[in-house]
Structure formats: C-alpha cells, structure tokens
C-alpha atoms as a PDB file:
ATOM      1  CA  UNK A   1      21.846 -21.423  19.377  1.00  0.00           C
ATOM      2  CA  UNK A   2      23.144 -18.031  18.287  1.00  0.00           C
ATOM      3  CA  UNK A   3      24.660 -15.864  21.037  1.00  0.00           C
ATOM      4  CA  UNK A   4      22.800 -12.690  22.064  1.00  0.00           C
ATOM      5  CA  UNK A   5      24.248 -10.123  24.490  1.00  0.00           C
ATOM      6  CA  UNK A   6      22.542  -9.506  26.746  1.00  0.00           C
ATOM      7  CA  UNK A   7      20.561 -12.761  26.581  1.00  0.00           C
ATOM      8  CA  UNK A   8      16.826 -12.779  26.503  1.00  0.00           C
ATOM      9  CA  UNK A   9      15.224 -13.334  29.912  1.00  0.00           C
ATOM     10  CA  UNK A  10      11.484 -13.644  30.786  1.00  0.00           C
ATOM     11  CA  UNK A  11      10.145 -11.397  33.497  1.00  0.00           C
ATOM     12  CA  UNK A  12       7.902 -14.180  34.823  1.00  0.00           C
ATOM     13  CA  UNK A  13      10.806 -16.540  35.133  1.00  0.00           C
ATOM     14  CA  UNK A  14       9.438 -19.300  32.776  1.00  0.00           C
ATOM     15  CA  UNK A  15       7.935 -18.096  29.445  1.00  0.00           C
ATOM     16  CA  UNK A  16       9.326 -15.283  27.219  1.00  0.00           C
ATOM     17  CA  UNK A  17       6.450 -12.989  26.268  1.00  0.00           C
ATOM     18  CA  UNK A  18       7.075 -11.648  22.689  1.00  0.00           C
ATOM     19  CA  UNK A  19       5.255  -9.189  20.433  1.00  0.00           C
ATOM     20  CA  UNK A  20       6.006  -9.437  16.701  1.00  0.00           C
ATOM     21  CA  UNK A  21       5.123  -6.496  14.469  1.00  0.00           C
ATOM     22  CA  UNK A  22       4.645  -6.979  10.725  1.00  0.00           C
ATOM     23  CA  UNK A  23       3.400  -4.383   8.291  1.00  0.00           C
ATOM     24  CA  UNK A  24       2.922  -4.119   4.497  1.00  0.00           C
ATOM     25  CA  UNK A  25       1.789  -1.066   2.572  1.00  0.00           C
ATOM     26  CA  UNK A  26      -1.914  -0.699   1.918  1.00  0.00           C
ATOM     27  CA  UNK A  27      -3.234  -3.086  -0.753  1.00  0.00           C
ATOM     28  CA  UNK A  28      -4.236  -1.474  -3.938  1.00  0.00           C
ATOM     29  CA  UNK A  29      -2.051   1.624  -3.358  1.00  0.00           C
ATOM     30  CA  UNK A  30       1.230   0.885  -4.803  1.00  0.00           C
ATOM     31  CA  UNK A  31       2.570  -1.218  -2.804  1.00  0.00           C
ATOM     32  CA  UNK A  32       3.721  -4.462  -1.303  1.00  0.00           C
ATOM     33  CA  UNK A  33       2.318  -7.916  -1.759  1.00  0.00           C
ATOM     34  CA  UNK A  34       0.031  -8.679   1.176  1.00  0.00           C
ATOM     35  CA  UNK A  35       1.822 -12.007   1.457  1.00  0.00           C
ATOM     36  CA  UNK A  36       4.767 -10.090   2.794  1.00  0.00           C
ATOM     37  CA  UNK A  37       3.034 -10.114   6.251  1.00  0.00           C
ATOM     38  CA  UNK A  38       3.341 -13.921   6.440  1.00  0.00           C
ATOM     39  CA  UNK A  39       6.907 -13.796   5.180  1.00  0.00           C
ATOM     40  CA  UNK A  40       7.814 -11.313   7.846  1.00  0.00           C
ATOM     41  CA  UNK A  41       6.206 -13.287  10.616  1.00  0.00           C
ATOM     42  CA  UNK A  42       8.023 -16.411   9.566  1.00  0.00           C
ATOM     43  CA  UNK A  43      11.339 -14.567   9.568  1.00  0.00           C
ATOM     44  CA  UNK A  44      10.786 -13.353  13.086  1.00  0.00           C
ATOM     45  CA  UNK A  45       9.749 -16.742  14.410  1.00  0.00           C
ATOM     46  CA  UNK A  46      12.804 -18.297  12.846  1.00  0.00           C
ATOM     47  CA  UNK A  47      15.111 -15.662  14.433  1.00  0.00           C
ATOM     48  CA  UNK A  48      13.457 -16.260  17.782  1.00  0.00           C
ATOM     49  CA  UNK A  49      13.985 -20.001  17.520  1.00  0.00           C
ATOM     50  CA  UNK A  50      17.631 -19.495  16.712  1.00  0.00           C
ATOM     51  CA  UNK A  51      18.235 -17.159  19.654  1.00  0.00           C
ATOM     52  CA  UNK A  52      16.055 -18.567  22.376  1.00  0.00           C
ATOM     53  CA  UNK A  53      15.333 -22.176  23.161  1.00  0.00           C
ATOM     54  CA  UNK A  54      13.137 -21.894  26.242  1.00  0.00           C
ATOM     55  CA  UNK A  55       9.253 -21.586  26.175  1.00  0.00           C
ATOM     56  CA  UNK A  56       7.883 -18.577  24.331  1.00  0.00           C
ATOM     57  CA  UNK A  57       4.393 -17.003  23.884  1.00  0.00           C
ATOM     58  CA  UNK A  58       4.123 -14.831  20.758  1.00  0.00           C
ATOM     59  CA  UNK A  59       1.519 -12.132  20.159  1.00  0.00           C
ATOM     60  CA  UNK A  60       1.388 -11.070  16.492  1.00  0.00           C
ATOM     61  CA  UNK A  61       0.377  -7.617  15.384  1.00  0.00           C
ATOM     62  CA  UNK A  62       0.099  -7.437  11.560  1.00  0.00           C
ATOM     63  CA  UNK A  63      -1.555  -4.941   9.338  1.00  0.00           C
ATOM     64  CA  UNK A  64      -1.414  -3.418   5.883  1.00  0.00           C
ATOM     65  CA  UNK A  65      -1.600   0.310   6.647  1.00  0.00           C
ATOM     66  CA  UNK A  66       0.651   3.198   5.980  1.00  0.00           C
ATOM     67  CA  UNK A  67       3.622   3.637   8.347  1.00  0.00           C
ATOM     68  CA  UNK A  68       2.799   7.385   8.303  1.00  0.00           C
ATOM     69  CA  UNK A  69      -0.397   6.774  10.196  1.00  0.00           C
ATOM     70  CA  UNK A  70      -0.127   6.853  13.978  1.00  0.00           C
ATOM     71  CA  UNK A  71      -3.733   5.868  14.520  1.00  0.00           C
ATOM     72  CA  UNK A  72      -3.424   2.369  13.024  1.00  0.00           C
ATOM     73  CA  UNK A  73      -5.274   0.010  15.275  1.00  0.00           C
ATOM     74  CA  UNK A  74      -2.502  -2.481  15.411  1.00  0.00           C
ATOM     75  CA  UNK A  75      -0.037   0.176  16.578  1.00  0.00           C
ATOM     76  CA  UNK A  76      -2.503   1.338  19.264  1.00  0.00           C
ATOM     77  CA  UNK A  77      -2.951  -2.285  20.411  1.00  0.00           C
ATOM     78  CA  UNK A  78       0.810  -2.840  20.481  1.00  0.00           C
ATOM     79  CA  UNK A  79       1.307   0.264  22.689  1.00  0.00           C
ATOM     80  CA  UNK A  80      -1.532  -0.984  25.039  1.00  0.00           C
ATOM     81  CA  UNK A  81       0.062  -4.445  25.206  1.00  0.00           C
ATOM     82  CA  UNK A  82       3.464  -3.053  26.154  1.00  0.00           C
ATOM     83  CA  UNK A  83       1.972  -0.828  28.791  1.00  0.00           C
ATOM     84  CA  UNK A  84       0.634  -3.887  30.631  1.00  0.00           C
ATOM     85  CA  UNK A  85       4.203  -4.567  31.557  1.00  0.00           C
ATOM     86  CA  UNK A  86       3.767  -8.190  30.699  1.00  0.00           C
ATOM     87  CA  UNK A  87       5.947  -8.378  27.596  1.00  0.00           C
ATOM     88  CA  UNK A  88       9.719  -8.960  27.437  1.00  0.00           C
ATOM     89  CA  UNK A  89      10.391  -8.331  23.697  1.00  0.00           C
ATOM     90  CA  UNK A  90       9.125  -6.558  20.690  1.00  0.00           C
ATOM     91  CA  UNK A  91      10.503  -8.025  17.398  1.00  0.00           C
ATOM     92  CA  UNK A  92      10.275  -6.468  13.944  1.00  0.00           C
ATOM     93  CA  UNK A  93      12.043  -6.879  10.645  1.00  0.00           C
ATOM     94  CA  UNK A  94      13.031  -3.204  10.859  1.00  0.00           C
ATOM     95  CA  UNK A  95      11.877  -0.025  12.609  1.00  0.00           C
ATOM     96  CA  UNK A  96      10.076   1.148   9.557  1.00  0.00           C
ATOM     97  CA  UNK A  97       7.612  -1.748  10.020  1.00  0.00           C
ATOM     98  CA  UNK A  98       6.613  -0.203  13.373  1.00  0.00           C
ATOM     99  CA  UNK A  99       6.443   3.547  12.611  1.00  0.00           C
ATOM    100  CA  UNK A 100       8.117   6.290  10.591  1.00  0.00           C
ATOM    101  CA  UNK A 101      10.843   8.719  11.510  1.00  0.00           C
ATOM    102  CA  UNK A 102      11.167   9.818  15.222  1.00  0.00           C
ATOM    103  CA  UNK A 103       7.830   8.049  16.086  1.00  0.00           C
ATOM    104  CA  UNK A 104       9.755   4.802  15.845  1.00  0.00           C
ATOM    105  CA  UNK A 105      12.172   6.041  18.554  1.00  0.00           C
ATOM    106  CA  UNK A 106       9.266   7.217  20.726  1.00  0.00           C
ATOM    107  CA  UNK A 107       7.862   3.640  20.399  1.00  0.00           C
ATOM    108  CA  UNK A 108      11.171   2.158  21.593  1.00  0.00           C
ATOM    109  CA  UNK A 109      11.446   4.562  24.468  1.00  0.00           C
ATOM    110  CA  UNK A 110       7.952   3.830  25.586  1.00  0.00           C
ATOM    111  CA  UNK A 111       8.772   0.131  25.533  1.00  0.00           C
ATOM    112  CA  UNK A 112      11.946   0.775  27.511  1.00  0.00           C
ATOM    113  CA  UNK A 113       9.836   2.480  30.193  1.00  0.00           C
ATOM    114  CA  UNK A 114       7.998  -0.851  30.668  1.00  0.00           C
ATOM    115  CA  UNK A 115      11.244  -2.925  30.631  1.00  0.00           C
ATOM    116  CA  UNK A 116      10.341  -4.290  27.144  1.00  0.00           C
ATOM    117  CA  UNK A 117      13.285  -4.848  24.815  1.00  0.00           C
ATOM    118  CA  UNK A 118      12.885  -3.847  21.112  1.00  0.00           C
ATOM    119  CA  UNK A 119      14.910  -5.613  18.491  1.00  0.00           C
ATOM    120  CA  UNK A 120      14.797  -4.751  14.729  1.00  0.00           C
ATOM    121  CA  UNK A 121      16.668  -7.371  12.748  1.00  0.00           C
ATOM    122  CA  UNK A 122      17.670  -5.588   9.491  1.00  0.00           C
ATOM    123  CA  UNK A 123      18.704  -2.508  11.454  1.00  0.00           C
ATOM    124  CA  UNK A 124      20.849  -4.569  13.870  1.00  0.00           C
ATOM    125  CA  UNK A 125      19.300  -2.381  16.538  1.00  0.00           C
ATOM    126  CA  UNK A 126      18.643  -3.714  20.073  1.00  0.00           C
ATOM    127  CA  UNK A 127      17.359  -1.475  22.901  1.00  0.00           C
ATOM    128  CA  UNK A 128      18.923  -3.947  25.321  1.00  0.00           C
ATOM    129  CA  UNK A 129      22.381  -2.684  24.316  1.00  0.00           C
ATOM    130  CA  UNK A 130      24.149   0.609  25.134  1.00  0.00           C
ATOM    131  CA  UNK A 131      23.923   3.255  22.432  1.00  0.00           C
ATOM    132  CA  UNK A 132      20.807   1.884  20.886  1.00  0.00           C
ATOM    133  CA  UNK A 133      19.240   5.391  20.498  1.00  0.00           C
ATOM    134  CA  UNK A 134      21.837   6.691  18.077  1.00  0.00           C
ATOM    135  CA  UNK A 135      21.608   3.500  16.061  1.00  0.00           C
ATOM    136  CA  UNK A 136      17.844   3.632  15.959  1.00  0.00           C
ATOM    137  CA  UNK A 137      17.827   7.311  15.012  1.00  0.00           C
ATOM    138  CA  UNK A 138      20.018   6.677  11.933  1.00  0.00           C
ATOM    139  CA  UNK A 139      18.031   3.605  11.011  1.00  0.00           C
ATOM    140  CA  UNK A 140      14.726   5.509  11.103  1.00  0.00           C
ATOM    141  CA  UNK A 141      16.188   8.320   8.957  1.00  0.00           C
ATOM    142  CA  UNK A 142      17.646   5.739   6.537  1.00  0.00           C
ATOM    143  CA  UNK A 143      14.233   4.147   6.090  1.00  0.00           C
ATOM    144  CA  UNK A 144      12.703   7.617   5.414  1.00  0.00           C
ATOM    145  CA  UNK A 145      15.329   8.322   2.730  1.00  0.00           C
ATOM    146  CA  UNK A 146      14.807   4.832   1.164  1.00  0.00           C
ATOM    147  CA  UNK A 147      11.088   5.513   1.147  1.00  0.00           C
ATOM    148  CA  UNK A 148      11.581   8.851  -0.740  1.00  0.00           C
ATOM    149  CA  UNK A 149      13.972   7.275  -3.205  1.00  0.00           C
ATOM    150  CA  UNK A 150      11.634   4.285  -3.819  1.00  0.00           C
ATOM    151  CA  UNK A 151       8.746   6.671  -4.397  1.00  0.00           C
ATOM    152  CA  UNK A 152      10.722   8.561  -7.057  1.00  0.00           C
ATOM    153  CA  UNK A 153      11.646   5.369  -8.809  1.00  0.00           C
ATOM    154  CA  UNK A 154       8.097   4.139  -8.856  1.00  0.00           C
ATOM    155  CA  UNK A 155       6.748   7.430 -10.223  1.00  0.00           C
ATOM    156  CA  UNK A 156       9.604   7.508 -12.811  1.00  0.00           C
ATOM    157  CA  UNK A 157       8.804   3.937 -13.960  1.00  0.00           C
ATOM    158  CA  UNK A 158       5.081   4.513 -14.126  1.00  0.00           C
ATOM    159  CA  UNK A 159       5.464   7.822 -16.010  1.00  0.00           C
ATOM    160  CA  UNK A 160       7.666   6.200 -18.590  1.00  0.00           C
ATOM    161  CA  UNK A 161       5.318   3.227 -19.002  1.00  0.00           C
ATOM    162  CA  UNK A 162       2.298   5.528 -19.233  1.00  0.00           C
ATOM    163  CA  UNK A 163       3.865   7.618 -21.973  1.00  0.00           C
ATOM    164  CA  UNK A 164       4.759   4.561 -23.948  1.00  0.00           C
ATOM    165  CA  UNK A 165       1.277   3.023 -23.496  1.00  0.00           C
ATOM    166  CA  UNK A 166       2.416   0.497 -20.942  1.00  0.00           C
ATOM    167  CA  UNK A 167       0.062   1.509 -18.081  1.00  0.00           C
ATOM    168  CA  UNK A 168      -3.602   0.887 -18.421  1.00  0.00           C
ATOM    169  CA  UNK A 169      -5.930   1.924 -15.546  1.00  0.00           C
ATOM    170  CA  UNK A 170      -9.355   2.801 -16.795  1.00  0.00           C
ATOM    171  CA  UNK A 171     -10.992   2.720 -20.273  1.00  0.00           C
ATOM    172  CA  UNK A 172     -13.661   4.812 -21.892  1.00  0.00           C
ATOM    173  CA  UNK A 173     -17.055   3.574 -23.146  1.00  0.00           C
ATOM    174  CA  UNK A 174     -16.452   1.442 -26.230  1.00  0.00           C
ATOM    175  CA  UNK A 175     -13.248  -0.296 -25.114  1.00  0.00           C
ATOM    176  CA  UNK A 176     -12.693  -3.576 -23.226  1.00  0.00           C
ATOM    177  CA  UNK A 177      -9.757  -4.193 -20.914  1.00  0.00           C
ATOM    178  CA  UNK A 178      -9.329  -8.035 -20.778  1.00  0.00           C
ATOM    179  CA  UNK A 179      -7.936  -9.533 -17.525  1.00  0.00           C
ATOM    180  CA  UNK A 180      -4.154  -9.273 -17.372  1.00  0.00           C
ATOM    181  CA  UNK A 181      -3.992  -6.254 -19.785  1.00  0.00           C
ATOM    182  CA  UNK A 182      -0.617  -4.507 -19.364  1.00  0.00           C
ATOM    183  CA  UNK A 183      -0.506  -2.060 -22.243  1.00  0.00           C
ATOM    184  CA  UNK A 184      -2.642  -0.175 -24.746  1.00  0.00           C
ATOM    185  CA  UNK A 185      -2.092  -2.722 -27.540  1.00  0.00           C
ATOM    186  CA  UNK A 186      -4.093  -5.360 -25.567  1.00  0.00           C
ATOM    187  CA  UNK A 187      -7.250  -3.240 -25.355  1.00  0.00           C
ATOM    188  CA  UNK A 188     -10.245  -4.363 -27.446  1.00  0.00           C
ATOM    189  CA  UNK A 189     -13.040  -2.508 -29.105  1.00  0.00           C
ATOM    190  CA  UNK A 190     -16.559  -3.348 -27.847  1.00  0.00           C
ATOM    191  CA  UNK A 191     -18.484  -4.598 -30.828  1.00  0.00           C
ATOM    192  CA  UNK A 192     -21.784  -3.385 -29.266  1.00  0.00           C
ATOM    193  CA  UNK A 193     -20.411   0.175 -29.118  1.00  0.00           C
ATOM    194  CA  UNK A 194     -19.401   0.474 -32.773  1.00  0.00           C
ATOM    195  CA  UNK A 195     -22.917   1.246 -34.058  1.00  0.00           C
ATOM    196  CA  UNK A 196     -23.233   3.853 -31.232  1.00  0.00           C
ATOM    197  CA  UNK A 197     -20.083   5.577 -32.346  1.00  0.00           C
ATOM    198  CA  UNK A 198     -21.105   5.399 -36.044  1.00  0.00           C
ATOM    199  CA  UNK A 199     -24.323   7.092 -35.273  1.00  0.00           C
ATOM    200  CA  UNK A 200     -22.587   9.563 -32.913  1.00  0.00           C
ATOM    201  CA  UNK A 201     -20.260  10.872 -35.564  1.00  0.00           C
ATOM    202  CA  UNK A 202     -22.755  10.798 -38.277  1.00  0.00           C
ATOM    203  CA  UNK A 203     -24.956  13.098 -36.265  1.00  0.00           C
ATOM    204  CA  UNK A 204     -21.985  15.410 -35.573  1.00  0.00           C
ATOM    205  CA  UNK A 205     -21.127  15.535 -39.302  1.00  0.00           C
ATOM    206  CA  UNK A 206     -24.826  16.466 -40.035  1.00  0.00           C
ATOM    207  CA  UNK A 207     -24.465  19.496 -37.801  1.00  0.00           C
ATOM    208  CA  UNK A 208     -26.039  18.324 -34.489  1.00  0.00           C
ATOM    209  CA  UNK A 209     -24.766  19.972 -31.382  1.00  0.00           C
ATOM    210  CA  UNK A 210     -22.830  18.164 -28.600  1.00  0.00           C
ATOM    211  CA  UNK A 211     -25.742  18.886 -26.245  1.00  0.00           C
ATOM    212  CA  UNK A 212     -28.145  17.133 -28.688  1.00  0.00           C
ATOM    213  CA  UNK A 213     -25.718  14.157 -28.885  1.00  0.00           C
ATOM    214  CA  UNK A 214     -25.590  13.918 -25.031  1.00  0.00           C
ATOM    215  CA  UNK A 215     -29.416  14.000 -24.972  1.00  0.00           C
ATOM    216  CA  UNK A 216     -29.542  11.272 -27.685  1.00  0.00           C
ATOM    217  CA  UNK A 217     -27.094   9.059 -25.708  1.00  0.00           C
ATOM    218  CA  UNK A 218     -29.175   9.516 -22.496  1.00  0.00           C
ATOM    219  CA  UNK A 219     -32.477   8.824 -24.270  1.00  0.00           C
ATOM    220  CA  UNK A 220     -31.117   5.567 -25.618  1.00  0.00           C
ATOM    221  CA  UNK A 221     -29.679   4.647 -22.217  1.00  0.00           C
ATOM    222  CA  UNK A 222     -26.130   4.272 -23.571  1.00  0.00           C
ATOM    223  CA  UNK A 223     -23.933   3.439 -20.599  1.00  0.00           C
ATOM    224  CA  UNK A 224     -21.273   6.014 -19.682  1.00  0.00           C
ATOM    225  CA  UNK A 225     -18.505   3.428 -19.208  1.00  0.00           C
ATOM    226  CA  UNK A 226     -17.374   1.098 -16.433  1.00  0.00           C
ATOM    227  CA  UNK A 227     -15.214   3.631 -14.611  1.00  0.00           C
ATOM    228  CA  UNK A 228     -17.495   6.744 -14.842  1.00  0.00           C
ATOM    229  CA  UNK A 229     -18.781   8.231 -11.624  1.00  0.00           C
ATOM    230  CA  UNK A 230     -21.889   9.535 -13.568  1.00  0.00           C
ATOM    231  CA  UNK A 231     -24.666   7.531 -15.006  1.00  0.00           C
ATOM    232  CA  UNK A 232     -25.620  10.124 -17.680  1.00  0.00           C
ATOM    233  CA  UNK A 233     -23.831  11.952 -20.455  1.00  0.00           C
ATOM    234  CA  UNK A 234     -23.314  15.723 -20.699  1.00  0.00           C
ATOM    235  CA  UNK A 235     -21.473  18.088 -22.940  1.00  0.00           C
ATOM    236  CA  UNK A 236     -18.684  20.411 -21.969  1.00  0.00           C
ATOM    237  CA  UNK A 237     -16.633  22.696 -24.221  1.00  0.00           C
ATOM    238  CA  UNK A 238     -17.170  20.828 -27.435  1.00  0.00           C
ATOM    239  CA  UNK A 239     -17.040  17.336 -25.986  1.00  0.00           C
ATOM    240  CA  UNK A 240     -19.552  14.714 -24.955  1.00  0.00           C
ATOM    241  CA  UNK A 241     -18.451  13.108 -21.760  1.00  0.00           C
ATOM    242  CA  UNK A 242     -19.596  11.317 -18.542  1.00  0.00           C
ATOM    243  CA  UNK A 243     -16.839  12.560 -16.188  1.00  0.00           C
ATOM    244  CA  UNK A 244     -13.753  12.553 -18.306  1.00  0.00           C
ATOM    245  CA  UNK A 245     -12.993  14.354 -21.525  1.00  0.00           C
ATOM    246  CA  UNK A 246     -13.742  12.138 -24.513  1.00  0.00           C
ATOM    247  CA  UNK A 247     -12.373  13.704 -27.685  1.00  0.00           C
ATOM    248  CA  UNK A 248     -13.920  12.649 -31.013  1.00  0.00           C
ATOM    249  CA  UNK A 249     -10.581  11.353 -32.320  1.00  0.00           C
ATOM    250  CA  UNK A 250     -10.163   8.949 -29.450  1.00  0.00           C
ATOM    251  CA  UNK A 251     -13.367   7.060 -30.270  1.00  0.00           C
ATOM    252  CA  UNK A 252     -12.726   6.481 -33.960  1.00  0.00           C
END
C-alpha cells in the first residue's frame, strides 16, 4: 500500500465514505470522448485501492457538461452530499474536473467546512495537508491557461483544415455526405438533383428572375437540403437559397 500523509480515516470508524467526481466536455461540442468518464472513474478507484485497504463506499458523480457552468446537476448534488457531513473524501483526476478557476477553491473550502478531504491526483493537491490553498490556486489557474491554449490550438487546426477542404460539416442541396466523410473530395453529387440544376440554370440563362426560380422550386416541392432550417426556397440579392447563400457557381 502506498503511504499517504495524513492517512485516510473514516468518520464512522469502519467504512470510508468517498465521492468521486468525473467530467468530460459536452458531447458534440468539441470535445472529449464520453468514454473518458469511465476511464476517470477507473483511475480514481485504482488510486483508492492503492492507498486504502479498509472497507470503502463510493458515490460517483459523473457528467458531460462544461466546467464553466456552476448549475450542473452533478455539482449541485456533490455539494449537497458533502453538506450532509457523511463523507470523508472527494477524489478527482484534477480540480478542473470539479469546477473552473476560483470556484474549484470554493468547492474545496466548502468541503473543508464539513471535514471532507479533497484530493486531486494530477495536481498533487490534498486539502488534508498544510498549504493546500496555494497549491490549489495555482493548479486552478494552470487549468484555465491550458484550456485557453487548447482552444486556440483547436481553432487553428480547424481553420487550416477548413481552408484546405478538410472540414465538412453541412452540405447544400444536390450533394451527399457519405458516412465517415472527412474532406471535400469525398462528397458526392446527388444524381436526382442533376436534372433540377440543369433546369435551374437553363431558366436563368433564358432570363427568368431568381424570384421565379424560387417559385418554380417550391411548386415542384424540391427539398431545400438536409441541413436547412427552412422548408421552402426564397431569393435574396441575386441568389436562390433556403437559409444559406447558394451561388450559381457552387452548384455546377
């Protein structure tokens, strides 16, 4: 068993009551694989097994919300659990998994008020030791700086990939995005849309207005595309479009 100073000790004299807090960024927003929650929980359980051999009872709080939000239900529930005075230890991979910036310190101080120890593994921070506040403060600020730097790297990477055709999010009417598509070269033309576009440009070349083209598309119930928020076509400043600008050159 690894040595821990001061050692863990249950308030009830027989079973250590532990809260583990796991968090991953919101799915679909940029973010971390939701499987990270299970990985974090396994890491915390393993650490606990290595540092405490007596009976334990673990309460897991895991969610996939933003650390910026103070109204996450799991955080509210964790606060409420601590305030029962029943728990001995809160365990997290790092303070950033609990909350951001000084809110993480507030959480630790609230736990201290109820004689609940907080340990964040990657920060090497332990509220059971002297000087933990200074350590926690710098850890919280470090996480915030890392978050800002990571955000810049993600935006830089996506911008570069987008400019080189390597980011495909939504497609306009007439194109198909097969599963697993990663760049523009993998898009496919929809064969059913080719006759629509042929007629579209023939009408334009014969002098019909964009308003007339939009009316024709709607009369023939031509779909506006899989990612459009509108179900009908309309014209705006020389273009026929559902909600995005569809230039003639893009469709040919």
